[in-house]
ModelCIF file with pLDDT and N, C-alpha, C, O atoms, coordinates in Angstrom:
data_MODEL
#
_entry.id   MODEL 
#
_entity.id                         1 
_entity.type                       polymer 
_entity.pdbx_number_of_molecules   1 
#
_entity_poly.entity_id                      1 
_entity_poly.type                           'polypeptide(L)' 
_entity_poly.nstd_linkage                   no 
_entity_poly.nstd_monomer                   no 
_entity_poly.pdbx_seq_one_letter_code       KSFLGGIGSFLEAWQGGDEGFARIISEQNGKFGPQLSLHYS 
_entity_poly.pdbx_seq_one_letter_code_can   KSFLGGIGSFLEAWQGGDEGFARIISEQNGKFGPQLSLHYS 
_entity_poly.pdbx_strand_id                 A 
#
loop_
_entity_poly_seq.entity_id 
_entity_poly_seq.num 
_entity_poly_seq.mon_id 
_entity_poly_seq.hetero 
1 1  LYS n 
1 2  SER n 
1 3  PHE n 
1 4  LEU n 
1 5  GLY n 
1 6  GLY n 
1 7  ILE n 
1 8  GLY n 
1 9  SER n 
1 10 PHE n 
1 11 LEU n 
1 12 GLU n 
1 13 ALA n 
1 14 TRP n 
1 15 GLN n 
1 16 GLY n 
1 17 GLY n 
1 18 ASP n 
1 19 GLU n 
1 20 GLY n 
1 21 PHE n 
1 22 ALA n 
1 23 ARG n 
1 24 ILE n 
1 25 ILE n 
1 26 SER n 
1 27 GLU n 
1 28 GLN n 
1 29 ASN n 
1 30 GLY n 
1 31 LYS n 
1 32 PHE n 
1 33 GLY n 
1 34 PRO n 
1 35 GLN n 
1 36 LEU n 
1 37 SER n 
1 38 LEU n 
1 39 HIS n 
1 40 TYR n 
1 41 SER n 
#
_struct_asym.id          A 
_struct_asym.entity_id   1 
#
loop_
_ma_qa_metric.id 
_ma_qa_metric.mode 
_ma_qa_metric.name 
_ma_qa_metric.software_group_id 
_ma_qa_metric.type 
1 global pLDDT . pLDDT 
2 local  pLDDT . pLDDT 
#
_ma_qa_metric_global.metric_id      1 
_ma_qa_metric_global.metric_value   91.88 
_ma_qa_metric_global.model_id       1 
_ma_qa_metric_global.ordinal_id     1 
#
loop_
_ma_qa_metric_local.label_asym_id 
_ma_qa_metric_local.label_comp_id 
_ma_qa_metric_local.label_seq_id 
_ma_qa_metric_local.metric_id 
_ma_qa_metric_local.metric_value 
_ma_qa_metric_local.model_id 
_ma_qa_metric_local.ordinal_id 
A LYS 1  2 83.00 1 1  
A SER 2  2 89.00 1 2  
A PHE 3  2 92.00 1 3  
A LEU 4  2 94.00 1 4  
A GLY 5  2 92.00 1 5  
A GLY 6  2 92.00 1 6  
A ILE 7  2 95.00 1 7  
A GLY 8  2 95.00 1 8  
A SER 9  2 94.00 1 9  
A PHE 10 2 96.00 1 10 
A LEU 11 2 97.00 1 11 
A GLU 12 2 96.00 1 12 
A ALA 13 2 96.00 1 13 
A TRP 14 2 97.00 1 14 
A GLN 15 2 97.00 1 15 
A GLY 16 2 96.00 1 16 
A GLY 17 2 95.00 1 17 
A ASP 18 2 96.00 1 18 
A GLU 19 2 96.00 1 19 
A GLY 20 2 96.00 1 20 
A PHE 21 2 97.00 1 21 
A ALA 22 2 97.00 1 22 
A ARG 23 2 97.00 1 23 
A ILE 24 2 97.00 1 24 
A ILE 25 2 97.00 1 25 
A SER 26 2 95.00 1 26 
A GLU 27 2 93.00 1 27 
A GLN 28 2 87.00 1 28 
A ASN 29 2 81.00 1 29 
A GLY 30 2 73.00 1 30 
A LYS 31 2 71.00 1 31 
A PHE 32 2 70.00 1 32 
A GLY 33 2 76.00 1 33 
A PRO 34 2 84.00 1 34 
A GLN 35 2 91.00 1 35 
A LEU 36 2 94.00 1 36 
A SER 37 2 95.00 1 37 
A LEU 38 2 97.00 1 38 
A HIS 39 2 97.00 1 39 
A TYR 40 2 97.00 1 40 
A SER 41 2 97.00 1 41 
#
loop_
_atom_site.group_PDB 
_atom_site.id 
_atom_site.type_symbol 
_atom_site.label_atom_id 
_atom_site.label_alt_id 
_atom_site.label_comp_id 
_atom_site.label_asym_id 
_atom_site.label_entity_id 
_atom_site.label_seq_id 
_atom_site.pdbx_PDB_ins_code 
_atom_site.Cartn_x 
_atom_site.Cartn_y 
_atom_site.Cartn_z 
_atom_site.occupancy 
_atom_site.B_iso_or_equiv 
_atom_site.pdbx_formal_charge 
_atom_site.auth_seq_id 
_atom_site.auth_comp_id 
_atom_site.auth_asym_id 
_atom_site.auth_atom_id 
_atom_site.pdbx_PDB_model_num 
ATOM 1   N N  . LYS A 1 1  ? 116.886 35.966 -66.031 1.00 83.00 ? 1  LYS A N  1 
ATOM 2   C CA . LYS A 1 1  ? 118.074 35.745 -65.458 1.00 83.00 ? 1  LYS A CA 1 
ATOM 3   C C  . LYS A 1 1  ? 119.308 37.308 -65.538 1.00 83.00 ? 1  LYS A C  1 
ATOM 4   O O  . LYS A 1 1  ? 119.261 38.341 -66.208 1.00 83.00 ? 1  LYS A O  1 
ATOM 5   N N  . SER A 1 2  ? 120.161 36.867 -64.657 1.00 89.00 ? 2  SER A N  1 
ATOM 6   C CA . SER A 1 2  ? 121.019 38.040 -64.187 1.00 89.00 ? 2  SER A CA 1 
ATOM 7   C C  . SER A 1 2  ? 122.399 37.548 -64.063 1.00 89.00 ? 2  SER A C  1 
ATOM 8   O O  . SER A 1 2  ? 122.470 36.582 -63.302 1.00 89.00 ? 2  SER A O  1 
ATOM 9   N N  . PHE A 1 3  ? 123.426 37.886 -64.536 1.00 92.00 ? 3  PHE A N  1 
ATOM 10  C CA . PHE A 1 3  ? 124.920 38.256 -64.495 1.00 92.00 ? 3  PHE A CA 1 
ATOM 11  C C  . PHE A 1 3  ? 125.219 38.825 -63.261 1.00 92.00 ? 3  PHE A C  1 
ATOM 12  O O  . PHE A 1 3  ? 125.962 38.342 -62.407 1.00 92.00 ? 3  PHE A O  1 
ATOM 13  N N  . LEU A 1 4  ? 124.528 40.008 -63.201 1.00 94.00 ? 4  LEU A N  1 
ATOM 14  C CA . LEU A 1 4  ? 124.466 40.771 -61.898 1.00 94.00 ? 4  LEU A CA 1 
ATOM 15  C C  . LEU A 1 4  ? 124.252 39.918 -60.693 1.00 94.00 ? 4  LEU A C  1 
ATOM 16  O O  . LEU A 1 4  ? 125.002 40.121 -59.738 1.00 94.00 ? 4  LEU A O  1 
ATOM 17  N N  . GLY A 1 5  ? 123.344 38.999 -60.598 1.00 92.00 ? 5  GLY A N  1 
ATOM 18  C CA . GLY A 1 5  ? 122.784 38.214 -59.655 1.00 92.00 ? 5  GLY A CA 1 
ATOM 19  C C  . GLY A 1 5  ? 123.936 37.279 -59.311 1.00 92.00 ? 5  GLY A C  1 
ATOM 20  O O  . GLY A 1 5  ? 123.979 36.705 -58.223 1.00 92.00 ? 5  GLY A O  1 
ATOM 21  N N  . GLY A 1 6  ? 124.858 37.134 -60.237 1.00 92.00 ? 6  GLY A N  1 
ATOM 22  C CA . GLY A 1 6  ? 125.883 36.041 -59.852 1.00 92.00 ? 6  GLY A CA 1 
ATOM 23  C C  . GLY A 1 6  ? 127.120 36.475 -59.098 1.00 92.00 ? 6  GLY A C  1 
ATOM 24  O O  . GLY A 1 6  ? 127.845 35.802 -58.365 1.00 92.00 ? 6  GLY A O  1 
ATOM 25  N N  . ILE A 1 7  ? 127.210 37.904 -59.483 1.00 95.00 ? 7  ILE A N  1 
ATOM 26  C CA . ILE A 1 7  ? 128.368 38.735 -58.918 1.00 95.00 ? 7  ILE A CA 1 
ATOM 27  C C  . ILE A 1 7  ? 127.878 38.813 -57.388 1.00 95.00 ? 7  ILE A C  1 
ATOM 28  O O  . ILE A 1 7  ? 128.501 38.461 -56.387 1.00 95.00 ? 7  ILE A O  1 
ATOM 29  N N  . GLY A 1 8  ? 126.604 39.363 -57.481 1.00 95.00 ? 8  GLY A N  1 
ATOM 30  C CA . GLY A 1 8  ? 126.155 39.824 -56.146 1.00 95.00 ? 8  GLY A CA 1 
ATOM 31  C C  . GLY A 1 8  ? 126.430 38.323 -54.812 1.00 95.00 ? 8  GLY A C  1 
ATOM 32  O O  . GLY A 1 8  ? 126.988 38.319 -53.714 1.00 95.00 ? 8  GLY A O  1 
ATOM 33  N N  . SER A 1 9  ? 125.779 37.303 -55.553 1.00 94.00 ? 9  SER A N  1 
ATOM 34  C CA . SER A 1 9  ? 126.011 35.943 -55.145 1.00 94.00 ? 9  SER A CA 1 
ATOM 35  C C  . SER A 1 9  ? 127.526 35.656 -54.522 1.00 94.00 ? 9  SER A C  1 
ATOM 36  O O  . SER A 1 9  ? 127.707 35.125 -53.426 1.00 94.00 ? 9  SER A O  1 
ATOM 37  N N  . PHE A 1 10 ? 128.471 36.056 -55.322 1.00 96.00 ? 10 PHE A N  1 
ATOM 38  C CA . PHE A 1 10 ? 129.750 35.742 -54.960 1.00 96.00 ? 10 PHE A CA 1 
ATOM 39  C C  . PHE A 1 10 ? 130.127 36.799 -53.983 1.00 96.00 ? 10 PHE A C  1 
ATOM 40  O O  . PHE A 1 10 ? 130.747 36.298 -53.046 1.00 96.00 ? 10 PHE A O  1 
ATOM 41  N N  . LEU A 1 11 ? 129.968 38.113 -53.868 1.00 97.00 ? 11 LEU A N  1 
ATOM 42  C CA . LEU A 1 11 ? 130.322 38.923 -53.220 1.00 97.00 ? 11 LEU A CA 1 
ATOM 43  C C  . LEU A 1 11 ? 129.983 38.612 -51.972 1.00 97.00 ? 11 LEU A C  1 
ATOM 44  O O  . LEU A 1 11 ? 130.716 38.943 -51.041 1.00 97.00 ? 11 LEU A O  1 
ATOM 45  N N  . GLU A 1 12 ? 129.000 38.035 -51.802 1.00 96.00 ? 12 GLU A N  1 
ATOM 46  C CA . GLU A 1 12 ? 128.016 37.832 -50.382 1.00 96.00 ? 12 GLU A CA 1 
ATOM 47  C C  . GLU A 1 12 ? 128.990 36.575 -49.762 1.00 96.00 ? 12 GLU A C  1 
ATOM 48  O O  . GLU A 1 12 ? 129.522 36.520 -48.654 1.00 96.00 ? 12 GLU A O  1 
ATOM 49  N N  . ALA A 1 13 ? 129.026 35.679 -50.771 1.00 96.00 ? 13 ALA A N  1 
ATOM 50  C CA . ALA A 1 13 ? 129.723 34.278 -50.161 1.00 96.00 ? 13 ALA A CA 1 
ATOM 51  C C  . ALA A 1 13 ? 131.173 34.582 -49.821 1.00 96.00 ? 13 ALA A C  1 
ATOM 52  O O  . ALA A 1 13 ? 131.627 33.851 -48.941 1.00 96.00 ? 13 ALA A O  1 
ATOM 53  N N  . TRP A 1 14 ? 132.034 35.528 -50.336 1.00 97.00 ? 14 TRP A N  1 
ATOM 54  C CA . TRP A 1 14 ? 133.120 35.786 -50.076 1.00 97.00 ? 14 TRP A CA 1 
ATOM 55  C C  . TRP A 1 14 ? 133.421 36.305 -48.818 1.00 97.00 ? 14 TRP A C  1 
ATOM 56  O O  . TRP A 1 14 ? 134.576 36.254 -48.394 1.00 97.00 ? 14 TRP A O  1 
ATOM 57  N N  . GLN A 1 15 ? 132.487 36.813 -48.155 1.00 97.00 ? 15 GLN A N  1 
ATOM 58  C CA . GLN A 1 15 ? 132.532 37.210 -46.637 1.00 97.00 ? 15 GLN A CA 1 
ATOM 59  C C  . GLN A 1 15 ? 132.365 36.085 -45.618 1.00 97.00 ? 15 GLN A C  1 
ATOM 60  O O  . GLN A 1 15 ? 132.193 36.311 -44.421 1.00 97.00 ? 15 GLN A O  1 
ATOM 61  N N  . GLY A 1 16 ? 132.421 34.944 -46.114 1.00 96.00 ? 16 GLY A N  1 
ATOM 62  C CA . GLY A 1 16 ? 132.196 33.604 -45.362 1.00 96.00 ? 16 GLY A CA 1 
ATOM 63  C C  . GLY A 1 16 ? 133.645 33.383 -44.580 1.00 96.00 ? 16 GLY A C  1 
ATOM 64  O O  . GLY A 1 16 ? 134.673 34.018 -44.813 1.00 96.00 ? 16 GLY A O  1 
ATOM 65  N N  . GLY A 1 17 ? 133.497 32.468 -43.727 1.00 95.00 ? 17 GLY A N  1 
ATOM 66  C CA . GLY A 1 17 ? 135.099 32.162 -42.866 1.00 95.00 ? 17 GLY A CA 1 
ATOM 67  C C  . GLY A 1 17 ? 135.749 31.573 -43.815 1.00 95.00 ? 17 GLY A C  1 
ATOM 68  O O  . GLY A 1 17 ? 135.379 31.081 -44.881 1.00 95.00 ? 17 GLY A O  1 
ATOM 69  N N  . ASP A 1 18 ? 137.203 31.721 -43.094 1.00 96.00 ? 18 ASP A N  1 
ATOM 70  C CA . ASP A 1 18 ? 138.256 30.851 -43.882 1.00 96.00 ? 18 ASP A CA 1 
ATOM 71  C C  . ASP A 1 18 ? 138.685 29.334 -43.352 1.00 96.00 ? 18 ASP A C  1 
ATOM 72  O O  . ASP A 1 18 ? 139.633 28.757 -43.883 1.00 96.00 ? 18 ASP A O  1 
ATOM 73  N N  . GLU A 1 19 ? 137.876 28.684 -42.199 1.00 96.00 ? 19 GLU A N  1 
ATOM 74  C CA . GLU A 1 19 ? 138.111 27.534 -41.846 1.00 96.00 ? 19 GLU A CA 1 
ATOM 75  C C  . GLU A 1 19 ? 137.518 26.475 -42.866 1.00 96.00 ? 19 GLU A C  1 
ATOM 76  O O  . GLU A 1 19 ? 136.313 26.441 -43.117 1.00 96.00 ? 19 GLU A O  1 
ATOM 77  N N  . GLY A 1 20 ? 138.460 25.593 -43.451 1.00 96.00 ? 20 GLY A N  1 
ATOM 78  C CA . GLY A 1 20 ? 138.055 24.707 -44.293 1.00 96.00 ? 20 GLY A CA 1 
ATOM 79  C C  . GLY A 1 20 ? 137.793 25.189 -45.817 1.00 96.00 ? 20 GLY A C  1 
ATOM 80  O O  . GLY A 1 20 ? 137.073 24.448 -46.487 1.00 96.00 ? 20 GLY A O  1 
ATOM 81  N N  . PHE A 1 21 ? 138.313 26.373 -46.439 1.00 97.00 ? 21 PHE A N  1 
ATOM 82  C CA . PHE A 1 21 ? 138.097 27.147 -47.723 1.00 97.00 ? 21 PHE A CA 1 
ATOM 83  C C  . PHE A 1 21 ? 139.488 27.780 -47.707 1.00 97.00 ? 21 PHE A C  1 
ATOM 84  O O  . PHE A 1 21 ? 140.241 28.290 -46.877 1.00 97.00 ? 21 PHE A O  1 
ATOM 85  N N  . ALA A 1 22 ? 139.475 27.502 -49.043 1.00 97.00 ? 22 ALA A N  1 
ATOM 86  C CA . ALA A 1 22 ? 140.779 28.212 -49.855 1.00 97.00 ? 22 ALA A CA 1 
ATOM 87  C C  . ALA A 1 22 ? 140.246 29.339 -50.707 1.00 97.00 ? 22 ALA A C  1 
ATOM 88  O O  . ALA A 1 22 ? 139.159 29.245 -51.277 1.00 97.00 ? 22 ALA A O  1 
ATOM 89  N N  . ARG A 1 23 ? 141.054 30.454 -50.793 1.00 97.00 ? 23 ARG A N  1 
ATOM 90  C CA . ARG A 1 23 ? 140.727 31.610 -51.648 1.00 97.00 ? 23 ARG A CA 1 
ATOM 91  C C  . ARG A 1 23 ? 141.809 31.880 -52.772 1.00 97.00 ? 23 ARG A C  1 
ATOM 92  O O  . ARG A 1 23 ? 142.878 32.425 -52.497 1.00 97.00 ? 23 ARG A O  1 
ATOM 93  N N  . ILE A 1 24 ? 141.490 31.486 -54.008 1.00 97.00 ? 24 ILE A N  1 
ATOM 94  C CA . ILE A 1 24 ? 142.428 31.153 -55.025 1.00 97.00 ? 24 ILE A CA 1 
ATOM 95  C C  . ILE A 1 24 ? 142.070 32.212 -56.354 1.00 97.00 ? 24 ILE A C  1 
ATOM 96  O O  . ILE A 1 24 ? 140.901 32.464 -56.649 1.00 97.00 ? 24 ILE A O  1 
ATOM 97  N N  . ILE A 1 25 ? 143.248 32.793 -57.110 1.00 97.00 ? 25 ILE A N  1 
ATOM 98  C CA . ILE A 1 25 ? 142.770 33.563 -58.174 1.00 97.00 ? 25 ILE A CA 1 
ATOM 99  C C  . ILE A 1 25 ? 143.638 32.585 -59.422 1.00 97.00 ? 25 ILE A C  1 
ATOM 100 O O  . ILE A 1 25 ? 144.775 32.114 -59.454 1.00 97.00 ? 25 ILE A O  1 
ATOM 101 N N  . SER A 1 26 ? 142.847 32.568 -60.078 1.00 95.00 ? 26 SER A N  1 
ATOM 102 C CA . SER A 1 26 ? 143.416 31.788 -61.379 1.00 95.00 ? 26 SER A CA 1 
ATOM 103 C C  . SER A 1 26 ? 143.093 31.968 -62.711 1.00 95.00 ? 26 SER A C  1 
ATOM 104 O O  . SER A 1 26 ? 141.944 32.315 -62.982 1.00 95.00 ? 26 SER A O  1 
ATOM 105 N N  . GLU A 1 27 ? 143.959 31.782 -63.650 1.00 93.00 ? 27 GLU A N  1 
ATOM 106 C CA . GLU A 1 27 ? 143.941 31.887 -64.889 1.00 93.00 ? 27 GLU A CA 1 
ATOM 107 C C  . GLU A 1 27 ? 143.810 30.999 -65.687 1.00 93.00 ? 27 GLU A C  1 
ATOM 108 O O  . GLU A 1 27 ? 144.749 30.206 -65.635 1.00 93.00 ? 27 GLU A O  1 
ATOM 109 N N  . GLN A 1 28 ? 142.820 30.687 -66.651 1.00 87.00 ? 28 GLN A N  1 
ATOM 110 C CA . GLN A 1 28 ? 142.884 29.507 -67.595 1.00 87.00 ? 28 GLN A CA 1 
ATOM 111 C C  . GLN A 1 28 ? 142.254 30.246 -68.843 1.00 87.00 ? 28 GLN A C  1 
ATOM 112 O O  . GLN A 1 28 ? 141.703 31.346 -68.879 1.00 87.00 ? 28 GLN A O  1 
ATOM 113 N N  . ASN A 1 29 ? 142.507 29.268 -69.933 1.00 81.00 ? 29 ASN A N  1 
ATOM 114 C CA . ASN A 1 29 ? 142.303 29.343 -71.052 1.00 81.00 ? 29 ASN A CA 1 
ATOM 115 C C  . ASN A 1 29 ? 140.596 29.349 -71.618 1.00 81.00 ? 29 ASN A C  1 
ATOM 116 O O  . ASN A 1 29 ? 140.210 28.184 -71.705 1.00 81.00 ? 29 ASN A O  1 
ATOM 117 N N  . GLY A 1 30 ? 139.995 29.906 -71.836 1.00 73.00 ? 30 GLY A N  1 
ATOM 118 C CA . GLY A 1 30 ? 138.493 29.936 -71.861 1.00 73.00 ? 30 GLY A CA 1 
ATOM 119 C C  . GLY A 1 30 ? 138.199 30.096 -73.615 1.00 73.00 ? 30 GLY A C  1 
ATOM 120 O O  . GLY A 1 30 ? 139.005 30.356 -74.508 1.00 73.00 ? 30 GLY A O  1 
ATOM 121 N N  . LYS A 1 31 ? 136.809 29.844 -73.683 1.00 71.00 ? 31 LYS A N  1 
ATOM 122 C CA . LYS A 1 31 ? 136.552 29.816 -75.070 1.00 71.00 ? 31 LYS A CA 1 
ATOM 123 C C  . LYS A 1 31 ? 136.826 31.357 -75.853 1.00 71.00 ? 31 LYS A C  1 
ATOM 124 O O  . LYS A 1 31 ? 137.003 31.594 -77.048 1.00 71.00 ? 31 LYS A O  1 
ATOM 125 N N  . PHE A 1 32 ? 136.800 31.937 -75.110 1.00 70.00 ? 32 PHE A N  1 
ATOM 126 C CA . PHE A 1 32 ? 137.041 33.612 -75.867 1.00 70.00 ? 32 PHE A CA 1 
ATOM 127 C C  . PHE A 1 32 ? 138.710 34.199 -75.437 1.00 70.00 ? 32 PHE A C  1 
ATOM 128 O O  . PHE A 1 32 ? 139.023 35.383 -75.557 1.00 70.00 ? 32 PHE A O  1 
ATOM 129 N N  . GLY A 1 33 ? 139.548 33.250 -74.988 1.00 76.00 ? 33 GLY A N  1 
ATOM 130 C CA . GLY A 1 33 ? 140.839 33.533 -74.551 1.00 76.00 ? 33 GLY A CA 1 
ATOM 131 C C  . GLY A 1 33 ? 140.936 33.435 -73.072 1.00 76.00 ? 33 GLY A C  1 
ATOM 132 O O  . GLY A 1 33 ? 140.068 32.982 -72.326 1.00 76.00 ? 33 GLY A O  1 
ATOM 133 N N  . PRO A 1 34 ? 142.140 33.931 -72.726 1.00 84.00 ? 34 PRO A N  1 
ATOM 134 C CA . PRO A 1 34 ? 142.599 33.769 -71.189 1.00 84.00 ? 34 PRO A CA 1 
ATOM 135 C C  . PRO A 1 34 ? 141.320 34.361 -70.343 1.00 84.00 ? 34 PRO A C  1 
ATOM 136 O O  . PRO A 1 34 ? 140.759 35.401 -70.689 1.00 84.00 ? 34 PRO A O  1 
ATOM 137 N N  . GLN A 1 35 ? 140.912 33.581 -69.183 1.00 91.00 ? 35 GLN A N  1 
ATOM 138 C CA . GLN A 1 35 ? 140.017 34.123 -68.417 1.00 91.00 ? 35 GLN A CA 1 
ATOM 139 C C  . GLN A 1 35 ? 140.522 33.856 -66.699 1.00 91.00 ? 35 GLN A C  1 
ATOM 140 O O  . GLN A 1 35 ? 140.807 32.785 -66.162 1.00 91.00 ? 35 GLN A O  1 
ATOM 141 N N  . LEU A 1 36 ? 140.506 35.328 -66.075 1.00 94.00 ? 36 LEU A N  1 
ATOM 142 C CA . LEU A 1 36 ? 140.735 35.081 -64.684 1.00 94.00 ? 36 LEU A CA 1 
ATOM 143 C C  . LEU A 1 36 ? 139.528 34.899 -63.570 1.00 94.00 ? 36 LEU A C  1 
ATOM 144 O O  . LEU A 1 36 ? 138.491 35.559 -63.500 1.00 94.00 ? 36 LEU A O  1 
ATOM 145 N N  . SER A 1 37 ? 139.836 34.129 -62.966 1.00 95.00 ? 37 SER A N  1 
ATOM 146 C CA . SER A 1 37 ? 138.513 33.439 -61.964 1.00 95.00 ? 37 SER A CA 1 
ATOM 147 C C  . SER A 1 37 ? 138.948 33.588 -60.468 1.00 95.00 ? 37 SER A C  1 
ATOM 148 O O  . SER A 1 37 ? 139.832 32.867 -60.005 1.00 95.00 ? 37 SER A O  1 
ATOM 149 N N  . LEU A 1 38 ? 138.282 34.579 -59.693 1.00 97.00 ? 38 LEU A N  1 
ATOM 150 C CA . LEU A 1 38 ? 138.485 34.384 -58.289 1.00 97.00 ? 38 LEU A CA 1 
ATOM 151 C C  . LEU A 1 38 ? 137.559 33.340 -57.408 1.00 97.00 ? 38 LEU A C  1 
ATOM 152 O O  . LEU A 1 38 ? 136.363 33.495 -57.162 1.00 97.00 ? 38 LEU A O  1 
ATOM 153 N N  . HIS A 1 39 ? 138.407 32.220 -56.984 1.00 97.00 ? 39 HIS A N  1 
ATOM 154 C CA . HIS A 1 39 ? 137.424 31.160 -56.067 1.00 97.00 ? 39 HIS A CA 1 
ATOM 155 C C  . HIS A 1 39 ? 137.284 31.195 -54.592 1.00 97.00 ? 39 HIS A C  1 
ATOM 156 O O  . HIS A 1 39 ? 138.337 31.236 -53.955 1.00 97.00 ? 39 HIS A O  1 
ATOM 157 N N  . TYR A 1 40 ? 136.285 31.187 -54.009 1.00 97.00 ? 40 TYR A N  1 
ATOM 158 C CA . TYR A 1 40 ? 136.000 30.995 -52.875 1.00 97.00 ? 40 TYR A CA 1 
ATOM 159 C C  . TYR A 1 40 ? 135.668 29.502 -52.747 1.00 97.00 ? 40 TYR A C  1 
ATOM 160 O O  . TYR A 1 40 ? 134.478 29.202 -52.845 1.00 97.00 ? 40 TYR A O  1 
ATOM 161 N N  . SER A 1 41 ? 136.639 28.448 -52.523 1.00 97.00 ? 41 SER A N  1 
ATOM 162 C CA . SER A 1 41 ? 136.537 27.165 -52.729 1.00 97.00 ? 41 SER A CA 1 
ATOM 163 C C  . SER A 1 41 ? 136.513 26.032 -51.242 1.00 97.00 ? 41 SER A C  1 
ATOM 164 O O  . SER A 1 41 ? 136.418 24.814 -51.395 1.00 97.00 ? 41 SER A O  1 
#
């Protein structure tokens, strides 16, 4: 397993179209404190 693979998958997906999608950055409290997430939703 690889976390690097997860990042590569996101970077690939981010190049997709905008129609029907929202691009959001958010901050939430996680198990190890505040965590930033960039979403292609």
